[in-house]
Amino acid sequence: MELEKEFNLYRELKPSLIQDGHQGKFIVIKDNEVFDIFMTYEDALRQGLRRYGNVPFLLHQISRFERVHHFFHGVEVTGCQMSV
C-alpha cells in the first residue's frame, strides 16, 4: 500500500501529537520523516509540495477519530456526497 510506512508512523506518533495540543492541525510525513505540522490544510499542502515536489507524501489531519475519504481522479467521495 502506498504511503503505508508514513501512515504507520503517524499512528505511532498520534497519541503524543494529541497530548501536545496538535489535534486539528495537519502533519506532513514522507518516508520516515515528519516534515512539519501546520495550522491549515492549504499551508501543509503548499509546503509539502515545495519540499517534496509532485510525489506521494502523507498530509493528514491530526484527530482522535479518523474520517475515511476516497479519492478518484481528483474527485473526493465522502459518504454519499461528492465534491470536486
PDB file of N, CA and C in Angstrom:
ATOM      1  N   MET A   1       0.843  -1.183   0.000  1.00  0.00           N
ATOM      2  CA  MET A   1       0.000   0.000   0.000  1.00  0.00           C
ATOM      3  C   MET A   1       0.886   1.244   0.000  1.00  0.00           C
ATOM      4  N   GLU A   2       0.596   2.136  -0.924  1.00  0.00           N
ATOM      5  CA  GLU A   2       1.369   3.375  -0.994  1.00  0.00           C
ATOM      6  C   GLU A   2       1.115   4.216   0.257  1.00  0.00           C
ATOM      7  N   LEU A   3       2.147   4.790   0.793  1.00  0.00           N
ATOM      8  CA  LEU A   3       2.133   5.629   1.996  1.00  0.00           C
ATOM      9  C   LEU A   3       1.845   4.836   3.277  1.00  0.00           C
ATOM     10  N   GLU A   4       1.952   3.512   3.219  1.00  0.00           N
ATOM     11  CA  GLU A   4       1.720   2.693   4.415  1.00  0.00           C
ATOM     12  C   GLU A   4       2.737   3.016   5.511  1.00  0.00           C
ATOM     13  N   LYS A   5       3.992   3.164   5.123  1.00  0.00           N
ATOM     14  CA  LYS A   5       5.053   3.491   6.076  1.00  0.00           C
ATOM     15  C   LYS A   5       4.760   4.829   6.762  1.00  0.00           C
ATOM     16  N   GLU A   6       4.332   5.816   5.979  1.00  0.00           N
ATOM     17  CA  GLU A   6       4.037   7.144   6.532  1.00  0.00           C
ATOM     18  C   GLU A   6       2.829   7.092   7.473  1.00  0.00           C
ATOM     19  N   PHE A   7       1.792   6.357   7.074  1.00  0.00           N
ATOM     20  CA  PHE A   7       0.601   6.292   7.918  1.00  0.00           C
ATOM     21  C   PHE A   7       0.890   5.528   9.212  1.00  0.00           C
ATOM     22  N   ASN A   8       1.710   4.491   9.140  1.00  0.00           N
ATOM     23  CA  ASN A   8       2.092   3.762  10.354  1.00  0.00           C
ATOM     24  C   ASN A   8       2.862   4.662  11.311  1.00  0.00           C
ATOM     25  N   LEU A   9       3.745   5.506  10.776  1.00  0.00           N
ATOM     26  CA  LEU A   9       4.466   6.459  11.621  1.00  0.00           C
ATOM     27  C   LEU A   9       3.489   7.442  12.253  1.00  0.00           C
ATOM     28  N   TYR A  10       2.533   7.943  11.468  1.00  0.00           N
ATOM     29  CA  TYR A  10       1.520   8.844  12.029  1.00  0.00           C
ATOM     30  C   TYR A  10       0.779   8.172  13.185  1.00  0.00           C
ATOM     31  N   ARG A  11       0.326   6.934  12.977  1.00  0.00           N
ATOM     32  CA  ARG A  11      -0.415   6.222  14.035  1.00  0.00           C
ATOM     33  C   ARG A  11       0.433   6.038  15.291  1.00  0.00           C
ATOM     34  N   GLU A  12       1.715   5.815  15.106  1.00  0.00           N
ATOM     35  CA  GLU A  12       2.624   5.664  16.239  1.00  0.00           C
ATOM     36  C   GLU A  12       2.761   6.982  17.017  1.00  0.00           C
ATOM     37  N   LEU A  13       2.815   8.084  16.286  1.00  0.00           N
ATOM     38  CA  LEU A  13       3.014   9.408  16.896  1.00  0.00           C
ATOM     39  C   LEU A  13       1.717  10.050  17.391  1.00  0.00           C
ATOM     40  N   LYS A  14       0.576   9.574  16.903  1.00  0.00           N
ATOM     41  CA  LYS A  14      -0.713  10.217  17.157  1.00  0.00           C
ATOM     42  C   LYS A  14      -1.003  10.507  18.637  1.00  0.00           C
ATOM     43  N   PRO A  15      -0.830   9.554  19.561  1.00  0.00           N
ATOM     44  CA  PRO A  15      -1.128   9.883  20.967  1.00  0.00           C
ATOM     45  C   PRO A  15      -0.313  11.063  21.493  1.00  0.00           C
ATOM     46  N   SER A  16       0.980  11.118  21.175  1.00  0.00           N
ATOM     47  CA  SER A  16       1.791  12.230  21.677  1.00  0.00           C
ATOM     48  C   SER A  16       1.461  13.533  20.954  1.00  0.00           C
ATOM     49  N   LEU A  17       1.092  13.458  19.662  1.00  0.00           N
ATOM     50  CA  LEU A  17       0.693  14.669  18.941  1.00  0.00           C
ATOM     51  C   LEU A  17      -0.561  15.282  19.566  1.00  0.00           C
ATOM     52  N   ILE A  18      -1.529  14.443  19.900  1.00  0.00           N
ATOM     53  CA  ILE A  18      -2.762  14.929  20.529  1.00  0.00           C
ATOM     54  C   ILE A  18      -2.469  15.463  21.923  1.00  0.00           C
ATOM     55  N   GLN A  19      -1.649  14.743  22.666  1.00  0.00           N
ATOM     56  CA  GLN A  19      -1.289  15.189  24.018  1.00  0.00           C
ATOM     57  C   GLN A  19      -0.556  16.534  23.983  1.00  0.00           C
ATOM     58  N   ASP A  20       0.215  16.763  22.927  1.00  0.00           N
ATOM     59  CA  ASP A  20       0.971  18.025  22.802  1.00  0.00           C
ATOM     60  C   ASP A  20       0.131  19.165  22.227  1.00  0.00           C
ATOM     61  N   GLY A  21      -1.177  18.932  22.023  1.00  0.00           N
ATOM     62  CA  GLY A  21      -2.058  20.011  21.597  1.00  0.00           C
ATOM     63  C   GLY A  21      -2.147  20.231  20.094  1.00  0.00           C
ATOM     64  N   HIS A  22      -1.824  19.220  19.302  1.00  0.00           N
ATOM     65  CA  HIS A  22      -1.848  19.380  17.848  1.00  0.00           C
ATOM     66  C   HIS A  22      -3.129  18.879  17.190  1.00  0.00           C
ATOM     67  N   GLN A  23      -4.113  18.481  17.979  1.00  0.00           N
ATOM     68  CA  GLN A  23      -5.365  17.998  17.376  1.00  0.00           C
ATOM     69  C   GLN A  23      -5.975  19.084  16.486  1.00  0.00           C
ATOM     70  N   GLY A  24      -6.408  18.654  15.295  1.00  0.00           N
ATOM     71  CA  GLY A  24      -6.998  19.584  14.330  1.00  0.00           C
ATOM     72  C   GLY A  24      -5.995  20.178  13.359  1.00  0.00           C
ATOM     73  N   LYS A  25      -4.710  20.076  13.668  1.00  0.00           N
ATOM     74  CA  LYS A  25      -3.669  20.573  12.768  1.00  0.00           C
ATOM     75  C   LYS A  25      -3.352  19.502  11.721  1.00  0.00           C
ATOM     76  N   PHE A  26      -2.457  19.820  10.801  1.00  0.00           N
ATOM     77  CA  PHE A  26      -2.140  18.939   9.683  1.00  0.00           C
ATOM     78  C   PHE A  26      -0.655  18.590   9.696  1.00  0.00           C
ATOM     79  N   ILE A  27      -0.379  17.287   9.592  1.00  0.00           N
ATOM     80  CA  ILE A  27       1.007  16.805   9.611  1.00  0.00           C
ATOM     81  C   ILE A  27       1.397  16.356   8.205  1.00  0.00           C
ATOM     82  N   VAL A  28       2.666  16.599   7.866  1.00  0.00           N
ATOM     83  CA  VAL A  28       3.212  16.153   6.587  1.00  0.00           C
ATOM     84  C   VAL A  28       4.354  15.183   6.891  1.00  0.00           C
ATOM     85  N   ILE A  29       4.241  13.968   6.306  1.00  0.00           N
ATOM     86  CA  ILE A  29       5.243  12.921   6.517  1.00  0.00           C
ATOM     87  C   ILE A  29       5.641  12.344   5.165  1.00  0.00           C
ATOM     88  N   LYS A  30       6.931  12.151   4.975  1.00  0.00           N
ATOM     89  CA  LYS A  30       7.461  11.489   3.775  1.00  0.00           C
ATOM     90  C   LYS A  30       8.523  10.507   4.237  1.00  0.00           C
ATOM     91  N   ASP A  31       8.387   9.246   3.815  1.00  0.00           N
ATOM     92  CA  ASP A  31       9.269   8.167   4.253  1.00  0.00           C
ATOM     93  C   ASP A  31       9.196   8.085   5.776  1.00  0.00           C
ATOM     94  N   ASN A  32      10.307   8.194   6.472  1.00  0.00           N
ATOM     95  CA  ASN A  32      10.286   8.147   7.944  1.00  0.00           C
ATOM     96  C   ASN A  32      10.546   9.526   8.543  1.00  0.00           C
ATOM     97  N   GLU A  33      10.223  10.577   7.800  1.00  0.00           N
ATOM     98  CA  GLU A  33      10.496  11.938   8.242  1.00  0.00           C
ATOM     99  C   GLU A  33       9.199  12.720   8.430  1.00  0.00           C
ATOM    100  N   VAL A  34       9.022  13.256   9.631  1.00  0.00           N
ATOM    101  CA  VAL A  34       7.947  14.221   9.851  1.00  0.00           C
ATOM    102  C   VAL A  34       8.508  15.556   9.413  1.00  0.00           C
ATOM    103  N   PHE A  35       7.929  16.104   8.340  1.00  0.00           N
ATOM    104  CA  PHE A  35       8.404  17.392   7.832  1.00  0.00           C
ATOM    105  C   PHE A  35       8.021  18.499   8.798  1.00  0.00           C
ATOM    106  N   ASP A  36       6.709  18.614   9.085  1.00  0.00           N
ATOM    107  CA  ASP A  36       6.260  19.674   9.988  1.00  0.00           C
ATOM    108  C   ASP A  36       4.777  19.497  10.260  1.00  0.00           C
ATOM    109  N   ILE A  37       4.257  20.325  11.146  1.00  0.00           N
ATOM    110  CA  ILE A  37       2.835  20.373  11.489  1.00  0.00           C
ATOM    111  C   ILE A  37       2.345  21.772  11.163  1.00  0.00           C
ATOM    112  N   PHE A  38       1.175  21.855  10.503  1.00  0.00           N
ATOM    113  CA  PHE A  38       0.660  23.128  10.009  1.00  0.00           C
ATOM    114  C   PHE A  38      -0.747  23.376  10.536  1.00  0.00           C
ATOM    115  N   MET A  39      -1.121  24.633  10.609  1.00  0.00           N
ATOM    116  CA  MET A  39      -2.452  25.018  11.099  1.00  0.00           C
ATOM    117  C   MET A  39      -3.542  24.723  10.072  1.00  0.00           C
ATOM    118  N   THR A  40      -3.226  24.839   8.783  1.00  0.00           N
ATOM    119  CA  THR A  40      -4.244  24.658   7.751  1.00  0.00           C
ATOM    120  C   THR A  40      -3.805  23.609   6.734  1.00  0.00           C
ATOM    121  N   TYR A  41      -4.801  23.007   6.096  1.00  0.00           N
ATOM    122  CA  TYR A  41      -4.554  22.046   5.022  1.00  0.00           C
ATOM    123  C   TYR A  41      -3.791  22.712   3.885  1.00  0.00           C
ATOM    124  N   GLU A  42      -4.186  23.914   3.531  1.00  0.00           N
ATOM    125  CA  GLU A  42      -3.569  24.619   2.413  1.00  0.00           C
ATOM    126  C   GLU A  42      -2.085  24.859   2.659  1.00  0.00           C
ATOM    127  N   ASP A  43      -1.732  25.295   3.879  1.00  0.00           N
ATOM    128  CA  ASP A  43      -0.321  25.512   4.200  1.00  0.00           C
ATOM    129  C   ASP A  43       0.464  24.204   4.156  1.00  0.00           C
ATOM    130  N   ALA A  44      -0.125  23.131   4.691  1.00  0.00           N
ATOM    131  CA  ALA A  44       0.545  21.833   4.690  1.00  0.00           C
ATOM    132  C   ALA A  44       0.777  21.349   3.262  1.00  0.00           C
ATOM    133  N   LEU A  45      -0.227  21.482   2.405  1.00  0.00           N
ATOM    134  CA  LEU A  45      -0.096  21.052   1.017  1.00  0.00           C
ATOM    135  C   LEU A  45       0.955  21.885   0.282  1.00  0.00           C
ATOM    136  N   ARG A  46       0.883  23.191   0.443  1.00  0.00           N
ATOM    137  CA  ARG A  46       1.832  24.086  -0.233  1.00  0.00           C
ATOM    138  C   ARG A  46       3.266  23.767   0.183  1.00  0.00           C
ATOM    139  N   GLN A  47       3.491  23.629   1.474  1.00  0.00           N
ATOM    140  CA  GLN A  47       4.845  23.376   1.959  1.00  0.00           C
ATOM    141  C   GLN A  47       5.318  21.958   1.619  1.00  0.00           C
ATOM    142  N   GLY A  48       4.399  20.992   1.646  1.00  0.00           N
ATOM    143  CA  GLY A  48       4.755  19.630   1.256  1.00  0.00           C
ATOM    144  C   GLY A  48       5.169  19.564  -0.200  1.00  0.00           C
ATOM    145  N   LEU A  49       4.414  20.230  -1.064  1.00  0.00           N
ATOM    146  CA  LEU A  49       4.768  20.268  -2.492  1.00  0.00           C
ATOM    147  C   LEU A  49       6.079  21.008  -2.719  1.00  0.00           C
ATOM    148  N   ARG A  50       6.289  22.065  -1.979  1.00  0.00           N
ATOM    149  CA  ARG A  50       7.537  22.832  -2.120  1.00  0.00           C
ATOM    150  C   ARG A  50       8.740  21.968  -1.720  1.00  0.00           C
ATOM    151  N   ARG A  51       8.571  21.195  -0.653  1.00  0.00           N
ATOM    152  CA  ARG A  51       9.694  20.385  -0.151  1.00  0.00           C
ATOM    153  C   ARG A  51       9.922  19.120  -0.980  1.00  0.00           C
ATOM    154  N   TYR A  52       8.836  18.409  -1.311  1.00  0.00           N
ATOM    155  CA  TYR A  52       8.975  17.094  -1.938  1.00  0.00           C
ATOM    156  C   TYR A  52       8.664  17.083  -3.428  1.00  0.00           C
ATOM    157  N   GLY A  53       7.985  18.089  -3.921  1.00  0.00           N
ATOM    158  CA  GLY A  53       7.576  18.090  -5.317  1.00  0.00           C
ATOM    159  C   GLY A  53       6.296  17.287  -5.494  1.00  0.00           C
ATOM    160  N   ASN A  54       5.974  16.987  -6.735  1.00  0.00           N
ATOM    161  CA  ASN A  54       4.720  16.307  -7.056  1.00  0.00           C
ATOM    162  C   ASN A  54       4.899  14.790  -6.961  1.00  0.00           C
ATOM    163  N   VAL A  55       5.182  14.327  -5.746  1.00  0.00           N
ATOM    164  CA  VAL A  55       5.321  12.905  -5.449  1.00  0.00           C
ATOM    165  C   VAL A  55       4.429  12.588  -4.246  1.00  0.00           C
ATOM    166  N   PRO A  56       4.091  11.331  -4.029  1.00  0.00           N
ATOM    167  CA  PRO A  56       3.241  10.992  -2.881  1.00  0.00           C
ATOM    168  C   PRO A  56       3.918  11.314  -1.544  1.00  0.00           C
ATOM    169  N   PHE A  57       3.178  11.990  -0.687  1.00  0.00           N
ATOM    170  CA  PHE A  57       3.570  12.194   0.709  1.00  0.00           C
ATOM    171  C   PHE A  57       2.279  12.229   1.508  1.00  0.00           C
ATOM    172  N   LEU A  58       2.380  11.935   2.799  1.00  0.00           N
ATOM    173  CA  LEU A  58       1.192  11.911   3.648  1.00  0.00           C
ATOM    174  C   LEU A  58       0.918  13.300   4.194  1.00  0.00           C
ATOM    175  N   LEU A  59      -0.282  13.773   3.975  1.00  0.00           N
ATOM    176  CA  LEU A  59      -0.776  15.014   4.561  1.00  0.00           C
ATOM    177  C   LEU A  59      -2.045  14.592   5.288  1.00  0.00           C
ATOM    178  N   HIS A  60      -2.034  14.684   6.611  1.00  0.00           N
ATOM    179  CA  HIS A  60      -3.144  14.125   7.379  1.00  0.00           C
ATOM    180  C   HIS A  60      -3.521  15.048   8.534  1.00  0.00           C
ATOM    181  N   GLN A  61      -4.821  15.203   8.743  1.00  0.00           N
ATOM    182  CA  GLN A  61      -5.279  15.990   9.887  1.00  0.00           C
ATOM    183  C   GLN A  61      -5.172  15.145  11.145  1.00  0.00           C
ATOM    184  N   ILE A  62      -4.589  15.707  12.161  1.00  0.00           N
ATOM    185  CA  ILE A  62      -4.404  15.017  13.435  1.00  0.00           C
ATOM    186  C   ILE A  62      -5.725  15.031  14.180  1.00  0.00           C
ATOM    187  N   SER A  63      -6.220  13.837  14.488  1.00  0.00           N
ATOM    188  CA  SER A  63      -7.528  13.726  15.115  1.00  0.00           C
ATOM    189  C   SER A  63      -7.618  12.436  15.917  1.00  0.00           C
ATOM    190  N   ARG A  64      -8.374  12.481  16.998  1.00  0.00           N
ATOM    191  CA  ARG A  64      -8.613  11.259  17.781  1.00  0.00           C
ATOM    192  C   ARG A  64      -9.366  10.231  16.958  1.00  0.00           C
ATOM    193  N   PHE A  65     -10.291  10.682  16.136  1.00  0.00           N
ATOM    194  CA  PHE A  65     -11.123   9.802  15.324  1.00  0.00           C
ATOM    195  C   PHE A  65     -10.790  10.024  13.857  1.00  0.00           C
ATOM    196  N   GLU A  66     -10.668   8.939  13.109  1.00  0.00           N
ATOM    197  CA  GLU A  66     -10.296   9.017  11.703  1.00  0.00           C
ATOM    198  C   GLU A  66     -11.532   9.074  10.814  1.00  0.00           C
ATOM    199  N   ARG A  67     -11.550  10.006   9.877  1.00  0.00           N
ATOM    200  CA  ARG A  67     -12.575  10.069   8.833  1.00  0.00           C
ATOM    201  C   ARG A  67     -12.032   9.351   7.619  1.00  0.00           C
ATOM    202  N   VAL A  68     -12.864   8.639   6.937  1.00  0.00           N
ATOM    203  CA  VAL A  68     -12.431   7.902   5.758  1.00  0.00           C
ATOM    204  C   VAL A  68     -12.810   8.688   4.511  1.00  0.00           C
ATOM    205  N   HIS A  69     -11.826   8.931   3.642  1.00  0.00           N
ATOM    206  CA  HIS A  69     -12.027   9.624   2.376  1.00  0.00           C
ATOM    207  C   HIS A  69     -11.514   8.715   1.267  1.00  0.00           C
ATOM    208  N   HIS A  70     -12.161   8.761   0.139  1.00  0.00           N
ATOM    209  CA  HIS A  70     -11.695   8.042  -1.042  1.00  0.00           C
ATOM    210  C   HIS A  70     -11.532   9.063  -2.162  1.00  0.00           C
ATOM    211  N   PHE A  71     -10.416   9.034  -2.851  1.00  0.00           N
ATOM    212  CA  PHE A  71     -10.160   9.970  -3.930  1.00  0.00           C
ATOM    213  C   PHE A  71     -10.056   9.211  -5.247  1.00  0.00           C
ATOM    214  N   PHE A  72     -10.768   9.684  -6.251  1.00  0.00           N
ATOM    215  CA  PHE A  72     -10.738   9.094  -7.575  1.00  0.00           C
ATOM    216  C   PHE A  72     -10.545  10.204  -8.597  1.00  0.00           C
ATOM    217  N   HIS A  73      -9.406  10.227  -9.249  1.00  0.00           N
ATOM    218  CA  HIS A  73      -9.139  11.179 -10.328  1.00  0.00           C
ATOM    219  C   HIS A  73      -9.503  12.614  -9.968  1.00  0.00           C
ATOM    220  N   GLY A  74      -9.117  13.039  -8.783  1.00  0.00           N
ATOM    221  CA  GLY A  74      -9.345  14.414  -8.383  1.00  0.00           C
ATOM    222  C   GLY A  74     -10.725  14.691  -7.827  1.00  0.00           C
ATOM    223  N   VAL A  75     -11.565  13.676  -7.692  1.00  0.00           N
ATOM    224  CA  VAL A  75     -12.897  13.862  -7.126  1.00  0.00           C
ATOM    225  C   VAL A  75     -12.927  13.178  -5.779  1.00  0.00           C
ATOM    226  N   GLU A  76     -13.318  13.899  -4.750  1.00  0.00           N
ATOM    227  CA  GLU A  76     -13.382  13.346  -3.405  1.00  0.00           C
ATOM    228  C   GLU A  76     -14.789  12.791  -3.173  1.00  0.00           C
ATOM    229  N   VAL A  77     -14.863  11.564  -2.731  1.00  0.00           N
ATOM    230  CA  VAL A  77     -16.148  10.935  -2.433  1.00  0.00           C
ATOM    231  C   VAL A  77     -16.180  10.683  -0.932  1.00  0.00           C
ATOM    232  N   THR A  78     -17.133  11.288  -0.227  1.00  0.00           N
ATOM    233  CA  THR A  78     -17.291  11.115   1.199  1.00  0.00           C
ATOM    234  C   THR A  78     -18.723  10.706   1.452  1.00  0.00           C
ATOM    235  N   GLY A  79     -18.926   9.511   1.983  1.00  0.00           N
ATOM    236  CA  GLY A  79     -20.293   9.036   2.183  1.00  0.00           C
ATOM    237  C   GLY A  79     -21.004   8.970   0.853  1.00  0.00           C
ATOM    238  N   CYS A  80     -22.159   9.595   0.756  1.00  0.00           N
ATOM    239  CA  CYS A  80     -22.943   9.580  -0.475  1.00  0.00           C
ATOM    240  C   CYS A  80     -22.808  10.873  -1.258  1.00  0.00           C
ATOM    241  N   GLN A  81     -22.024  11.805  -0.760  1.00  0.00           N
ATOM    242  CA  GLN A  81     -21.880  13.085  -1.435  1.00  0.00           C
ATOM    243  C   GLN A  81     -20.548  13.158  -2.140  1.00  0.00           C
ATOM    244  N   MET A  82     -20.509  13.840  -3.234  1.00  0.00           N
ATOM    245  CA  MET A  82     -19.262  14.053  -3.967  1.00  0.00           C
ATOM    246  C   MET A  82     -18.998  15.553  -4.072  1.00  0.00           C
ATOM    247  N   SER A  83     -17.736  15.901  -3.926  1.00  0.00           N
ATOM    248  CA  SER A  83     -17.368  17.304  -4.150  1.00  0.00           C
ATOM    249  C   SER A  83     -16.128  17.342  -5.017  1.00  0.00           C
ATOM    250  N   VAL A  84     -16.055  18.333  -5.872  1.00  0.00           N
ATOM    251  CA  VAL A  84     -14.919  18.463  -6.797  1.00  0.00           C
ATOM    252  C   VAL A  84     -14.003  19.538  -6.276  1.00  0.00           C
TER     253      VAL A  84
END
